[in-house]
Amino acid sequence: SRVDADAMLVGPRFHPRIEPFAGLG
């Protein structure tokens, strides 16, 4: 089935960009 829409809202999961800092703990 279909739901008509002009726009959507989503709540994404999120993760910090911290790969360069792993060696610091």
PDBML (XML) file of the C-alpha atoms, coordinates in Angstrom:
<?xml version="1.0" encoding="UTF-8" ?>
<PDBx:datablock datablockName="MODEL"
   xmlns:PDBx="http://pdbml.pdb.org/schema/pdbx-v50.xsd"
   xmlns:xsi="http://www.w3.org/2001/XMLSchema-instance"
   xsi:schemaLocation="http://pdbml.pdb.org/schema/pdbx-v50.xsd pdbx-v50.xsd">
   <PDBx:atom_siteCategory>
      <PDBx:atom_site id="1">
         <PDBx:B_iso_or_equiv>0.00</PDBx:B_iso_or_equiv>
         <PDBx:Cartn_x>0.000</PDBx:Cartn_x>
         <PDBx:Cartn_y>0.000</PDBx:Cartn_y>
         <PDBx:Cartn_z>0.000</PDBx:Cartn_z>
         <PDBx:auth_asym_id>A</PDBx:auth_asym_id>
         <PDBx:auth_atom_id>CA</PDBx:auth_atom_id>
         <PDBx:auth_comp_id>SER</PDBx:auth_comp_id>
         <PDBx:auth_seq_id>1</PDBx:auth_seq_id>
         <PDBx:group_PDB>ATOM</PDBx:group_PDB>
         <PDBx:label_alt_id xsi:nil="true" />
         <PDBx:label_asym_id>A</PDBx:label_asym_id>
         <PDBx:label_atom_id>CA</PDBx:label_atom_id>
         <PDBx:label_comp_id>SER</PDBx:label_comp_id>
         <PDBx:label_entity_id>1</PDBx:label_entity_id>
         <PDBx:label_seq_id>1</PDBx:label_seq_id>
         <PDBx:occupancy>1.00</PDBx:occupancy>
         <PDBx:pdbx_PDB_model_num>1</PDBx:pdbx_PDB_model_num>
         <PDBx:type_symbol>C</PDBx:type_symbol>
      </PDBx:atom_site>
      <PDBx:atom_site id="2">
         <PDBx:B_iso_or_equiv>0.00</PDBx:B_iso_or_equiv>
         <PDBx:Cartn_x>0.948</PDBx:Cartn_x>
         <PDBx:Cartn_y>3.660</PDBx:Cartn_y>
         <PDBx:Cartn_z>-0.346</PDBx:Cartn_z>
         <PDBx:auth_asym_id>A</PDBx:auth_asym_id>
         <PDBx:auth_atom_id>CA</PDBx:auth_atom_id>
         <PDBx:auth_comp_id>ARG</PDBx:auth_comp_id>
         <PDBx:auth_seq_id>2</PDBx:auth_seq_id>
         <PDBx:group_PDB>ATOM</PDBx:group_PDB>
         <PDBx:label_alt_id xsi:nil="true" />
         <PDBx:label_asym_id>A</PDBx:label_asym_id>
         <PDBx:label_atom_id>CA</PDBx:label_atom_id>
         <PDBx:label_comp_id>ARG</PDBx:label_comp_id>
         <PDBx:label_entity_id>1</PDBx:label_entity_id>
         <PDBx:label_seq_id>2</PDBx:label_seq_id>
         <PDBx:occupancy>1.00</PDBx:occupancy>
         <PDBx:pdbx_PDB_model_num>1</PDBx:pdbx_PDB_model_num>
         <PDBx:type_symbol>C</PDBx:type_symbol>
      </PDBx:atom_site>
      <PDBx:atom_site id="3">
         <PDBx:B_iso_or_equiv>0.00</PDBx:B_iso_or_equiv>
         <PDBx:Cartn_x>0.799</PDBx:Cartn_x>
         <PDBx:Cartn_y>6.732</PDBx:Cartn_y>
         <PDBx:Cartn_z>1.846</PDBx:Cartn_z>
         <PDBx:auth_asym_id>A</PDBx:auth_asym_id>
         <PDBx:auth_atom_id>CA</PDBx:auth_atom_id>
         <PDBx:auth_comp_id>VAL</PDBx:auth_comp_id>
         <PDBx:auth_seq_id>3</PDBx:auth_seq_id>
         <PDBx:group_PDB>ATOM</PDBx:group_PDB>
         <PDBx:label_alt_id xsi:nil="true" />
         <PDBx:label_asym_id>A</PDBx:label_asym_id>
         <PDBx:label_atom_id>CA</PDBx:label_atom_id>
         <PDBx:label_comp_id>VAL</PDBx:label_comp_id>
         <PDBx:label_entity_id>1</PDBx:label_entity_id>
         <PDBx:label_seq_id>3</PDBx:label_seq_id>
         <PDBx:occupancy>1.00</PDBx:occupancy>
         <PDBx:pdbx_PDB_model_num>1</PDBx:pdbx_PDB_model_num>
         <PDBx:type_symbol>C</PDBx:type_symbol>
      </PDBx:atom_site>
      <PDBx:atom_site id="4">
         <PDBx:B_iso_or_equiv>0.00</PDBx:B_iso_or_equiv>
         <PDBx:Cartn_x>0.876</PDBx:Cartn_x>
         <PDBx:Cartn_y>10.025</PDBx:Cartn_y>
         <PDBx:Cartn_z>-0.040</PDBx:Cartn_z>
         <PDBx:auth_asym_id>A</PDBx:auth_asym_id>
         <PDBx:auth_atom_id>CA</PDBx:auth_atom_id>
         <PDBx:auth_comp_id>ASP</PDBx:auth_comp_id>
         <PDBx:auth_seq_id>4</PDBx:auth_seq_id>
         <PDBx:group_PDB>ATOM</PDBx:group_PDB>
         <PDBx:label_alt_id xsi:nil="true" />
         <PDBx:label_asym_id>A</PDBx:label_asym_id>
         <PDBx:label_atom_id>CA</PDBx:label_atom_id>
         <PDBx:label_comp_id>ASP</PDBx:label_comp_id>
         <PDBx:label_entity_id>1</PDBx:label_entity_id>
         <PDBx:label_seq_id>4</PDBx:label_seq_id>
         <PDBx:occupancy>1.00</PDBx:occupancy>
         <PDBx:pdbx_PDB_model_num>1</PDBx:pdbx_PDB_model_num>
         <PDBx:type_symbol>C</PDBx:type_symbol>
      </PDBx:atom_site>
      <PDBx:atom_site id="5">
         <PDBx:B_iso_or_equiv>0.00</PDBx:B_iso_or_equiv>
         <PDBx:Cartn_x>3.378</PDBx:Cartn_x>
         <PDBx:Cartn_y>12.553</PDBx:Cartn_y>
         <PDBx:Cartn_z>1.258</PDBx:Cartn_z>
         <PDBx:auth_asym_id>A</PDBx:auth_asym_id>
         <PDBx:auth_atom_id>CA</PDBx:auth_atom_id>
         <PDBx:auth_comp_id>ALA</PDBx:auth_comp_id>
         <PDBx:auth_seq_id>5</PDBx:auth_seq_id>
         <PDBx:group_PDB>ATOM</PDBx:group_PDB>
         <PDBx:label_alt_id xsi:nil="true" />
         <PDBx:label_asym_id>A</PDBx:label_asym_id>
         <PDBx:label_atom_id>CA</PDBx:label_atom_id>
         <PDBx:label_comp_id>ALA</PDBx:label_comp_id>
         <PDBx:label_entity_id>1</PDBx:label_entity_id>
         <PDBx:label_seq_id>5</PDBx:label_seq_id>
         <PDBx:occupancy>1.00</PDBx:occupancy>
         <PDBx:pdbx_PDB_model_num>1</PDBx:pdbx_PDB_model_num>
         <PDBx:type_symbol>C</PDBx:type_symbol>
      </PDBx:atom_site>
      <PDBx:atom_site id="6">
         <PDBx:B_iso_or_equiv>0.00</PDBx:B_iso_or_equiv>
         <PDBx:Cartn_x>5.118</PDBx:Cartn_x>
         <PDBx:Cartn_y>15.814</PDBx:Cartn_y>
         <PDBx:Cartn_z>0.388</PDBx:Cartn_z>
         <PDBx:auth_asym_id>A</PDBx:auth_asym_id>
         <PDBx:auth_atom_id>CA</PDBx:auth_atom_id>
         <PDBx:auth_comp_id>ASP</PDBx:auth_comp_id>
         <PDBx:auth_seq_id>6</PDBx:auth_seq_id>
         <PDBx:group_PDB>ATOM</PDBx:group_PDB>
         <PDBx:label_alt_id xsi:nil="true" />
         <PDBx:label_asym_id>A</PDBx:label_asym_id>
         <PDBx:label_atom_id>CA</PDBx:label_atom_id>
         <PDBx:label_comp_id>ASP</PDBx:label_comp_id>
         <PDBx:label_entity_id>1</PDBx:label_entity_id>
         <PDBx:label_seq_id>6</PDBx:label_seq_id>
         <PDBx:occupancy>1.00</PDBx:occupancy>
         <PDBx:pdbx_PDB_model_num>1</PDBx:pdbx_PDB_model_num>
         <PDBx:type_symbol>C</PDBx:type_symbol>
      </PDBx:atom_site>
      <PDBx:atom_site id="7">
         <PDBx:B_iso_or_equiv>0.00</PDBx:B_iso_or_equiv>
         <PDBx:Cartn_x>7.701</PDBx:Cartn_x>
         <PDBx:Cartn_y>15.511</PDBx:Cartn_y>
         <PDBx:Cartn_z>3.159</PDBx:Cartn_z>
         <PDBx:auth_asym_id>A</PDBx:auth_asym_id>
         <PDBx:auth_atom_id>CA</PDBx:auth_atom_id>
         <PDBx:auth_comp_id>ALA</PDBx:auth_comp_id>
         <PDBx:auth_seq_id>7</PDBx:auth_seq_id>
         <PDBx:group_PDB>ATOM</PDBx:group_PDB>
         <PDBx:label_alt_id xsi:nil="true" />
         <PDBx:label_asym_id>A</PDBx:label_asym_id>
         <PDBx:label_atom_id>CA</PDBx:label_atom_id>
         <PDBx:label_comp_id>ALA</PDBx:label_comp_id>
         <PDBx:label_entity_id>1</PDBx:label_entity_id>
         <PDBx:label_seq_id>7</PDBx:label_seq_id>
         <PDBx:occupancy>1.00</PDBx:occupancy>
         <PDBx:pdbx_PDB_model_num>1</PDBx:pdbx_PDB_model_num>
         <PDBx:type_symbol>C</PDBx:type_symbol>
      </PDBx:atom_site>
      <PDBx:atom_site id="8">
         <PDBx:B_iso_or_equiv>0.00</PDBx:B_iso_or_equiv>
         <PDBx:Cartn_x>8.938</PDBx:Cartn_x>
         <PDBx:Cartn_y>13.062</PDBx:Cartn_y>
         <PDBx:Cartn_z>5.772</PDBx:Cartn_z>
         <PDBx:auth_asym_id>A</PDBx:auth_asym_id>
         <PDBx:auth_atom_id>CA</PDBx:auth_atom_id>
         <PDBx:auth_comp_id>MET</PDBx:auth_comp_id>
         <PDBx:auth_seq_id>8</PDBx:auth_seq_id>
         <PDBx:group_PDB>ATOM</PDBx:group_PDB>
         <PDBx:label_alt_id xsi:nil="true" />
         <PDBx:label_asym_id>A</PDBx:label_asym_id>
         <PDBx:label_atom_id>CA</PDBx:label_atom_id>
         <PDBx:label_comp_id>MET</PDBx:label_comp_id>
         <PDBx:label_entity_id>1</PDBx:label_entity_id>
         <PDBx:label_seq_id>8</PDBx:label_seq_id>
         <PDBx:occupancy>1.00</PDBx:occupancy>
         <PDBx:pdbx_PDB_model_num>1</PDBx:pdbx_PDB_model_num>
         <PDBx:type_symbol>C</PDBx:type_symbol>
      </PDBx:atom_site>
      <PDBx:atom_site id="9">
         <PDBx:B_iso_or_equiv>0.00</PDBx:B_iso_or_equiv>
         <PDBx:Cartn_x>10.487</PDBx:Cartn_x>
         <PDBx:Cartn_y>13.242</PDBx:Cartn_y>
         <PDBx:Cartn_z>9.218</PDBx:Cartn_z>
         <PDBx:auth_asym_id>A</PDBx:auth_asym_id>
         <PDBx:auth_atom_id>CA</PDBx:auth_atom_id>
         <PDBx:auth_comp_id>LEU</PDBx:auth_comp_id>
         <PDBx:auth_seq_id>9</PDBx:auth_seq_id>
         <PDBx:group_PDB>ATOM</PDBx:group_PDB>
         <PDBx:label_alt_id xsi:nil="true" />
         <PDBx:label_asym_id>A</PDBx:label_asym_id>
         <PDBx:label_atom_id>CA</PDBx:label_atom_id>
         <PDBx:label_comp_id>LEU</PDBx:label_comp_id>
         <PDBx:label_entity_id>1</PDBx:label_entity_id>
         <PDBx:label_seq_id>9</PDBx:label_seq_id>
         <PDBx:occupancy>1.00</PDBx:occupancy>
         <PDBx:pdbx_PDB_model_num>1</PDBx:pdbx_PDB_model_num>
         <PDBx:type_symbol>C</PDBx:type_symbol>
      </PDBx:atom_site>
      <PDBx:atom_site id="10">
         <PDBx:B_iso_or_equiv>0.00</PDBx:B_iso_or_equiv>
         <PDBx:Cartn_x>12.761</PDBx:Cartn_x>
         <PDBx:Cartn_y>10.542</PDBx:Cartn_y>
         <PDBx:Cartn_z>10.577</PDBx:Cartn_z>
         <PDBx:auth_asym_id>A</PDBx:auth_asym_id>
         <PDBx:auth_atom_id>CA</PDBx:auth_atom_id>
         <PDBx:auth_comp_id>VAL</PDBx:auth_comp_id>
         <PDBx:auth_seq_id>10</PDBx:auth_seq_id>
         <PDBx:group_PDB>ATOM</PDBx:group_PDB>
         <PDBx:label_alt_id xsi:nil="true" />
         <PDBx:label_asym_id>A</PDBx:label_asym_id>
         <PDBx:label_atom_id>CA</PDBx:label_atom_id>
         <PDBx:label_comp_id>VAL</PDBx:label_comp_id>
         <PDBx:label_entity_id>1</PDBx:label_entity_id>
         <PDBx:label_seq_id>10</PDBx:label_seq_id>
         <PDBx:occupancy>1.00</PDBx:occupancy>
         <PDBx:pdbx_PDB_model_num>1</PDBx:pdbx_PDB_model_num>
         <PDBx:type_symbol>C</PDBx:type_symbol>
      </PDBx:atom_site>
      <PDBx:atom_site id="11">
         <PDBx:B_iso_or_equiv>0.00</PDBx:B_iso_or_equiv>
         <PDBx:Cartn_x>14.734</PDBx:Cartn_x>
         <PDBx:Cartn_y>10.153</PDBx:Cartn_y>
         <PDBx:Cartn_z>13.776</PDBx:Cartn_z>
         <PDBx:auth_asym_id>A</PDBx:auth_asym_id>
         <PDBx:auth_atom_id>CA</PDBx:auth_atom_id>
         <PDBx:auth_comp_id>GLY</PDBx:auth_comp_id>
         <PDBx:auth_seq_id>11</PDBx:auth_seq_id>
         <PDBx:group_PDB>ATOM</PDBx:group_PDB>
         <PDBx:label_alt_id xsi:nil="true" />
         <PDBx:label_asym_id>A</PDBx:label_asym_id>
         <PDBx:label_atom_id>CA</PDBx:label_atom_id>
         <PDBx:label_comp_id>GLY</PDBx:label_comp_id>
         <PDBx:label_entity_id>1</PDBx:label_entity_id>
         <PDBx:label_seq_id>11</PDBx:label_seq_id>
         <PDBx:occupancy>1.00</PDBx:occupancy>
         <PDBx:pdbx_PDB_model_num>1</PDBx:pdbx_PDB_model_num>
         <PDBx:type_symbol>C</PDBx:type_symbol>
      </PDBx:atom_site>
      <PDBx:atom_site id="12">
         <PDBx:B_iso_or_equiv>0.00</PDBx:B_iso_or_equiv>
         <PDBx:Cartn_x>18.069</PDBx:Cartn_x>
         <PDBx:Cartn_y>8.639</PDBx:Cartn_y>
         <PDBx:Cartn_z>12.734</PDBx:Cartn_z>
         <PDBx:auth_asym_id>A</PDBx:auth_asym_id>
         <PDBx:auth_atom_id>CA</PDBx:auth_atom_id>
         <PDBx:auth_comp_id>PRO</PDBx:auth_comp_id>
         <PDBx:auth_seq_id>12</PDBx:auth_seq_id>
         <PDBx:group_PDB>ATOM</PDBx:group_PDB>
         <PDBx:label_alt_id xsi:nil="true" />
         <PDBx:label_asym_id>A</PDBx:label_asym_id>
         <PDBx:label_atom_id>CA</PDBx:label_atom_id>
         <PDBx:label_comp_id>PRO</PDBx:label_comp_id>
         <PDBx:label_entity_id>1</PDBx:label_entity_id>
         <PDBx:label_seq_id>12</PDBx:label_seq_id>
         <PDBx:occupancy>1.00</PDBx:occupancy>
         <PDBx:pdbx_PDB_model_num>1</PDBx:pdbx_PDB_model_num>
         <PDBx:type_symbol>C</PDBx:type_symbol>
      </PDBx:atom_site>
      <PDBx:atom_site id="13">
         <PDBx:B_iso_or_equiv>0.00</PDBx:B_iso_or_equiv>
         <PDBx:Cartn_x>20.463</PDBx:Cartn_x>
         <PDBx:Cartn_y>6.902</PDBx:Cartn_y>
         <PDBx:Cartn_z>15.044</PDBx:Cartn_z>
         <PDBx:auth_asym_id>A</PDBx:auth_asym_id>
         <PDBx:auth_atom_id>CA</PDBx:auth_atom_id>
         <PDBx:auth_comp_id>ARG</PDBx:auth_comp_id>
         <PDBx:auth_seq_id>13</PDBx:auth_seq_id>
         <PDBx:group_PDB>ATOM</PDBx:group_PDB>
         <PDBx:label_alt_id xsi:nil="true" />
         <PDBx:label_asym_id>A</PDBx:label_asym_id>
         <PDBx:label_atom_id>CA</PDBx:label_atom_id>
         <PDBx:label_comp_id>ARG</PDBx:label_comp_id>
         <PDBx:label_entity_id>1</PDBx:label_entity_id>
         <PDBx:label_seq_id>13</PDBx:label_seq_id>
         <PDBx:occupancy>1.00</PDBx:occupancy>
         <PDBx:pdbx_PDB_model_num>1</PDBx:pdbx_PDB_model_num>
         <PDBx:type_symbol>C</PDBx:type_symbol>
      </PDBx:atom_site>
      <PDBx:atom_site id="14">
         <PDBx:B_iso_or_equiv>0.00</PDBx:B_iso_or_equiv>
         <PDBx:Cartn_x>23.657</PDBx:Cartn_x>
         <PDBx:Cartn_y>8.893</PDBx:Cartn_y>
         <PDBx:Cartn_z>15.582</PDBx:Cartn_z>
         <PDBx:auth_asym_id>A</PDBx:auth_asym_id>
         <PDBx:auth_atom_id>CA</PDBx:auth_atom_id>
         <PDBx:auth_comp_id>PHE</PDBx:auth_comp_id>
         <PDBx:auth_seq_id>14</PDBx:auth_seq_id>
         <PDBx:group_PDB>ATOM</PDBx:group_PDB>
         <PDBx:label_alt_id xsi:nil="true" />
         <PDBx:label_asym_id>A</PDBx:label_asym_id>
         <PDBx:label_atom_id>CA</PDBx:label_atom_id>
         <PDBx:label_comp_id>PHE</PDBx:label_comp_id>
         <PDBx:label_entity_id>1</PDBx:label_entity_id>
         <PDBx:label_seq_id>14</PDBx:label_seq_id>
         <PDBx:occupancy>1.00</PDBx:occupancy>
         <PDBx:pdbx_PDB_model_num>1</PDBx:pdbx_PDB_model_num>
         <PDBx:type_symbol>C</PDBx:type_symbol>
      </PDBx:atom_site>
      <PDBx:atom_site id="15">
         <PDBx:B_iso_or_equiv>0.00</PDBx:B_iso_or_equiv>
         <PDBx:Cartn_x>27.300</PDBx:Cartn_x>
         <PDBx:Cartn_y>8.150</PDBx:Cartn_y>
         <PDBx:Cartn_z>16.289</PDBx:Cartn_z>
         <PDBx:auth_asym_id>A</PDBx:auth_asym_id>
         <PDBx:auth_atom_id>CA</PDBx:auth_atom_id>
         <PDBx:auth_comp_id>HIS</PDBx:auth_comp_id>
         <PDBx:auth_seq_id>15</PDBx:auth_seq_id>
         <PDBx:group_PDB>ATOM</PDBx:group_PDB>
         <PDBx:label_alt_id xsi:nil="true" />
         <PDBx:label_asym_id>A</PDBx:label_asym_id>
         <PDBx:label_atom_id>CA</PDBx:label_atom_id>
         <PDBx:label_comp_id>HIS</PDBx:label_comp_id>
         <PDBx:label_entity_id>1</PDBx:label_entity_id>
         <PDBx:label_seq_id>15</PDBx:label_seq_id>
         <PDBx:occupancy>1.00</PDBx:occupancy>
         <PDBx:pdbx_PDB_model_num>1</PDBx:pdbx_PDB_model_num>
         <PDBx:type_symbol>C</PDBx:type_symbol>
      </PDBx:atom_site>
      <PDBx:atom_site id="16">
         <PDBx:B_iso_or_equiv>0.00</PDBx:B_iso_or_equiv>
         <PDBx:Cartn_x>30.210</PDBx:Cartn_x>
         <PDBx:Cartn_y>10.503</PDBx:Cartn_y>
         <PDBx:Cartn_z>17.109</PDBx:Cartn_z>
         <PDBx:auth_asym_id>A</PDBx:auth_asym_id>
         <PDBx:auth_atom_id>CA</PDBx:auth_atom_id>
         <PDBx:auth_comp_id>PRO</PDBx:auth_comp_id>
         <PDBx:auth_seq_id>16</PDBx:auth_seq_id>
         <PDBx:group_PDB>ATOM</PDBx:group_PDB>
         <PDBx:label_alt_id xsi:nil="true" />
         <PDBx:label_asym_id>A</PDBx:label_asym_id>
         <PDBx:label_atom_id>CA</PDBx:label_atom_id>
         <PDBx:label_comp_id>PRO</PDBx:label_comp_id>
         <PDBx:label_entity_id>1</PDBx:label_entity_id>
         <PDBx:label_seq_id>16</PDBx:label_seq_id>
         <PDBx:occupancy>1.00</PDBx:occupancy>
         <PDBx:pdbx_PDB_model_num>1</PDBx:pdbx_PDB_model_num>
         <PDBx:type_symbol>C</PDBx:type_symbol>
      </PDBx:atom_site>
      <PDBx:atom_site id="17">
         <PDBx:B_iso_or_equiv>0.00</PDBx:B_iso_or_equiv>
         <PDBx:Cartn_x>33.116</PDBx:Cartn_x>
         <PDBx:Cartn_y>10.852</PDBx:Cartn_y>
         <PDBx:Cartn_z>14.691</PDBx:Cartn_z>
         <PDBx:auth_asym_id>A</PDBx:auth_asym_id>
         <PDBx:auth_atom_id>CA</PDBx:auth_atom_id>
         <PDBx:auth_comp_id>ARG</PDBx:auth_comp_id>
         <PDBx:auth_seq_id>17</PDBx:auth_seq_id>
         <PDBx:group_PDB>ATOM</PDBx:group_PDB>
         <PDBx:label_alt_id xsi:nil="true" />
         <PDBx:label_asym_id>A</PDBx:label_asym_id>
         <PDBx:label_atom_id>CA</PDBx:label_atom_id>
         <PDBx:label_comp_id>ARG</PDBx:label_comp_id>
         <PDBx:label_entity_id>1</PDBx:label_entity_id>
         <PDBx:label_seq_id>17</PDBx:label_seq_id>
         <PDBx:occupancy>1.00</PDBx:occupancy>
         <PDBx:pdbx_PDB_model_num>1</PDBx:pdbx_PDB_model_num>
         <PDBx:type_symbol>C</PDBx:type_symbol>
      </PDBx:atom_site>
      <PDBx:atom_site id="18">
         <PDBx:B_iso_or_equiv>0.00</PDBx:B_iso_or_equiv>
         <PDBx:Cartn_x>35.903</PDBx:Cartn_x>
         <PDBx:Cartn_y>9.869</PDBx:Cartn_y>
         <PDBx:Cartn_z>17.080</PDBx:Cartn_z>
         <PDBx:auth_asym_id>A</PDBx:auth_asym_id>
         <PDBx:auth_atom_id>CA</PDBx:auth_atom_id>
         <PDBx:auth_comp_id>ILE</PDBx:auth_comp_id>
         <PDBx:auth_seq_id>18</PDBx:auth_seq_id>
         <PDBx:group_PDB>ATOM</PDBx:group_PDB>
         <PDBx:label_alt_id xsi:nil="true" />
         <PDBx:label_asym_id>A</PDBx:label_asym_id>
         <PDBx:label_atom_id>CA</PDBx:label_atom_id>
         <PDBx:label_comp_id>ILE</PDBx:label_comp_id>
         <PDBx:label_entity_id>1</PDBx:label_entity_id>
         <PDBx:label_seq_id>18</PDBx:label_seq_id>
         <PDBx:occupancy>1.00</PDBx:occupancy>
         <PDBx:pdbx_PDB_model_num>1</PDBx:pdbx_PDB_model_num>
         <PDBx:type_symbol>C</PDBx:type_symbol>
      </PDBx:atom_site>
      <PDBx:atom_site id="19">
         <PDBx:B_iso_or_equiv>0.00</PDBx:B_iso_or_equiv>
         <PDBx:Cartn_x>38.040</PDBx:Cartn_x>
         <PDBx:Cartn_y>7.368</PDBx:Cartn_y>
         <PDBx:Cartn_z>15.180</PDBx:Cartn_z>
         <PDBx:auth_asym_id>A</PDBx:auth_asym_id>
         <PDBx:auth_atom_id>CA</PDBx:auth_atom_id>
         <PDBx:auth_comp_id>GLU</PDBx:auth_comp_id>
         <PDBx:auth_seq_id>19</PDBx:auth_seq_id>
         <PDBx:group_PDB>ATOM</PDBx:group_PDB>
         <PDBx:label_alt_id xsi:nil="true" />
         <PDBx:label_asym_id>A</PDBx:label_asym_id>
         <PDBx:label_atom_id>CA</PDBx:label_atom_id>
         <PDBx:label_comp_id>GLU</PDBx:label_comp_id>
         <PDBx:label_entity_id>1</PDBx:label_entity_id>
         <PDBx:label_seq_id>19</PDBx:label_seq_id>
         <PDBx:occupancy>1.00</PDBx:occupancy>
         <PDBx:pdbx_PDB_model_num>1</PDBx:pdbx_PDB_model_num>
         <PDBx:type_symbol>C</PDBx:type_symbol>
      </PDBx:atom_site>
      <PDBx:atom_site id="20">
         <PDBx:B_iso_or_equiv>0.00</PDBx:B_iso_or_equiv>
         <PDBx:Cartn_x>41.182</PDBx:Cartn_x>
         <PDBx:Cartn_y>9.589</PDBx:Cartn_y>
         <PDBx:Cartn_z>15.276</PDBx:Cartn_z>
         <PDBx:auth_asym_id>A</PDBx:auth_asym_id>
         <PDBx:auth_atom_id>CA</PDBx:auth_atom_id>
         <PDBx:auth_comp_id>PRO</PDBx:auth_comp_id>
         <PDBx:auth_seq_id>20</PDBx:auth_seq_id>
         <PDBx:group_PDB>ATOM</PDBx:group_PDB>
         <PDBx:label_alt_id xsi:nil="true" />
         <PDBx:label_asym_id>A</PDBx:label_asym_id>
         <PDBx:label_atom_id>CA</PDBx:label_atom_id>
         <PDBx:label_comp_id>PRO</PDBx:label_comp_id>
         <PDBx:label_entity_id>1</PDBx:label_entity_id>
         <PDBx:label_seq_id>20</PDBx:label_seq_id>
         <PDBx:occupancy>1.00</PDBx:occupancy>
         <PDBx:pdbx_PDB_model_num>1</PDBx:pdbx_PDB_model_num>
         <PDBx:type_symbol>C</PDBx:type_symbol>
      </PDBx:atom_site>
      <PDBx:atom_site id="21">
         <PDBx:B_iso_or_equiv>0.00</PDBx:B_iso_or_equiv>
         <PDBx:Cartn_x>40.985</PDBx:Cartn_x>
         <PDBx:Cartn_y>9.830</PDBx:Cartn_y>
         <PDBx:Cartn_z>19.077</PDBx:Cartn_z>
         <PDBx:auth_asym_id>A</PDBx:auth_asym_id>
         <PDBx:auth_atom_id>CA</PDBx:auth_atom_id>
         <PDBx:auth_comp_id>PHE</PDBx:auth_comp_id>
         <PDBx:auth_seq_id>21</PDBx:auth_seq_id>
         <PDBx:group_PDB>ATOM</PDBx:group_PDB>
         <PDBx:label_alt_id xsi:nil="true" />
         <PDBx:label_asym_id>A</PDBx:label_asym_id>
         <PDBx:label_atom_id>CA</PDBx:label_atom_id>
         <PDBx:label_comp_id>PHE</PDBx:label_comp_id>
         <PDBx:label_entity_id>1</PDBx:label_entity_id>
         <PDBx:label_seq_id>21</PDBx:label_seq_id>
         <PDBx:occupancy>1.00</PDBx:occupancy>
         <PDBx:pdbx_PDB_model_num>1</PDBx:pdbx_PDB_model_num>
         <PDBx:type_symbol>C</PDBx:type_symbol>
      </PDBx:atom_site>
      <PDBx:atom_site id="22">
         <PDBx:B_iso_or_equiv>0.00</PDBx:B_iso_or_equiv>
         <PDBx:Cartn_x>40.785</PDBx:Cartn_x>
         <PDBx:Cartn_y>6.131</PDBx:Cartn_y>
         <PDBx:Cartn_z>19.939</PDBx:Cartn_z>
         <PDBx:auth_asym_id>A</PDBx:auth_asym_id>
         <PDBx:auth_atom_id>CA</PDBx:auth_atom_id>
         <PDBx:auth_comp_id>ALA</PDBx:auth_comp_id>
         <PDBx:auth_seq_id>22</PDBx:auth_seq_id>
         <PDBx:group_PDB>ATOM</PDBx:group_PDB>
         <PDBx:label_alt_id xsi:nil="true" />
         <PDBx:label_asym_id>A</PDBx:label_asym_id>
         <PDBx:label_atom_id>CA</PDBx:label_atom_id>
         <PDBx:label_comp_id>ALA</PDBx:label_comp_id>
         <PDBx:label_entity_id>1</PDBx:label_entity_id>
         <PDBx:label_seq_id>22</PDBx:label_seq_id>
         <PDBx:occupancy>1.00</PDBx:occupancy>
         <PDBx:pdbx_PDB_model_num>1</PDBx:pdbx_PDB_model_num>
         <PDBx:type_symbol>C</PDBx:type_symbol>
      </PDBx:atom_site>
      <PDBx:atom_site id="23">
         <PDBx:B_iso_or_equiv>0.00</PDBx:B_iso_or_equiv>
         <PDBx:Cartn_x>44.468</PDBx:Cartn_x>
         <PDBx:Cartn_y>6.040</PDBx:Cartn_y>
         <PDBx:Cartn_z>20.893</PDBx:Cartn_z>
         <PDBx:auth_asym_id>A</PDBx:auth_asym_id>
         <PDBx:auth_atom_id>CA</PDBx:auth_atom_id>
         <PDBx:auth_comp_id>GLY</PDBx:auth_comp_id>
         <PDBx:auth_seq_id>23</PDBx:auth_seq_id>
         <PDBx:group_PDB>ATOM</PDBx:group_PDB>
         <PDBx:label_alt_id xsi:nil="true" />
         <PDBx:label_asym_id>A</PDBx:label_asym_id>
         <PDBx:label_atom_id>CA</PDBx:label_atom_id>
         <PDBx:label_comp_id>GLY</PDBx:label_comp_id>
         <PDBx:label_entity_id>1</PDBx:label_entity_id>
         <PDBx:label_seq_id>23</PDBx:label_seq_id>
         <PDBx:occupancy>1.00</PDBx:occupancy>
         <PDBx:pdbx_PDB_model_num>1</PDBx:pdbx_PDB_model_num>
         <PDBx:type_symbol>C</PDBx:type_symbol>
      </PDBx:atom_site>
      <PDBx:atom_site id="24">
         <PDBx:B_iso_or_equiv>0.00</PDBx:B_iso_or_equiv>
         <PDBx:Cartn_x>43.835</PDBx:Cartn_x>
         <PDBx:Cartn_y>8.692</PDBx:Cartn_y>
         <PDBx:Cartn_z>23.548</PDBx:Cartn_z>
         <PDBx:auth_asym_id>A</PDBx:auth_asym_id>
         <PDBx:auth_atom_id>CA</PDBx:auth_atom_id>
         <PDBx:auth_comp_id>LEU</PDBx:auth_comp_id>
         <PDBx:auth_seq_id>24</PDBx:auth_seq_id>
         <PDBx:group_PDB>ATOM</PDBx:group_PDB>
         <PDBx:label_alt_id xsi:nil="true" />
         <PDBx:label_asym_id>A</PDBx:label_asym_id>
         <PDBx:label_atom_id>CA</PDBx:label_atom_id>
         <PDBx:label_comp_id>LEU</PDBx:label_comp_id>
         <PDBx:label_entity_id>1</PDBx:label_entity_id>
         <PDBx:label_seq_id>24</PDBx:label_seq_id>
         <PDBx:occupancy>1.00</PDBx:occupancy>
         <PDBx:pdbx_PDB_model_num>1</PDBx:pdbx_PDB_model_num>
         <PDBx:type_symbol>C</PDBx:type_symbol>
      </PDBx:atom_site>
      <PDBx:atom_site id="25">
         <PDBx:B_iso_or_equiv>0.00</PDBx:B_iso_or_equiv>
         <PDBx:Cartn_x>41.219</PDBx:Cartn_x>
         <PDBx:Cartn_y>6.523</PDBx:Cartn_y>
         <PDBx:Cartn_z>25.210</PDBx:Cartn_z>
         <PDBx:auth_asym_id>A</PDBx:auth_asym_id>
         <PDBx:auth_atom_id>CA</PDBx:auth_atom_id>
         <PDBx:auth_comp_id>GLY</PDBx:auth_comp_id>
         <PDBx:auth_seq_id>25</PDBx:auth_seq_id>
         <PDBx:group_PDB>ATOM</PDBx:group_PDB>
         <PDBx:label_alt_id xsi:nil="true" />
         <PDBx:label_asym_id>A</PDBx:label_asym_id>
         <PDBx:label_atom_id>CA</PDBx:label_atom_id>
         <PDBx:label_comp_id>GLY</PDBx:label_comp_id>
         <PDBx:label_entity_id>1</PDBx:label_entity_id>
         <PDBx:label_seq_id>25</PDBx:label_seq_id>
         <PDBx:occupancy>1.00</PDBx:occupancy>
         <PDBx:pdbx_PDB_model_num>1</PDBx:pdbx_PDB_model_num>
         <PDBx:type_symbol>C</PDBx:type_symbol>
      </PDBx:atom_site>
   </PDBx:atom_siteCategory>
</PDBx:datablock>
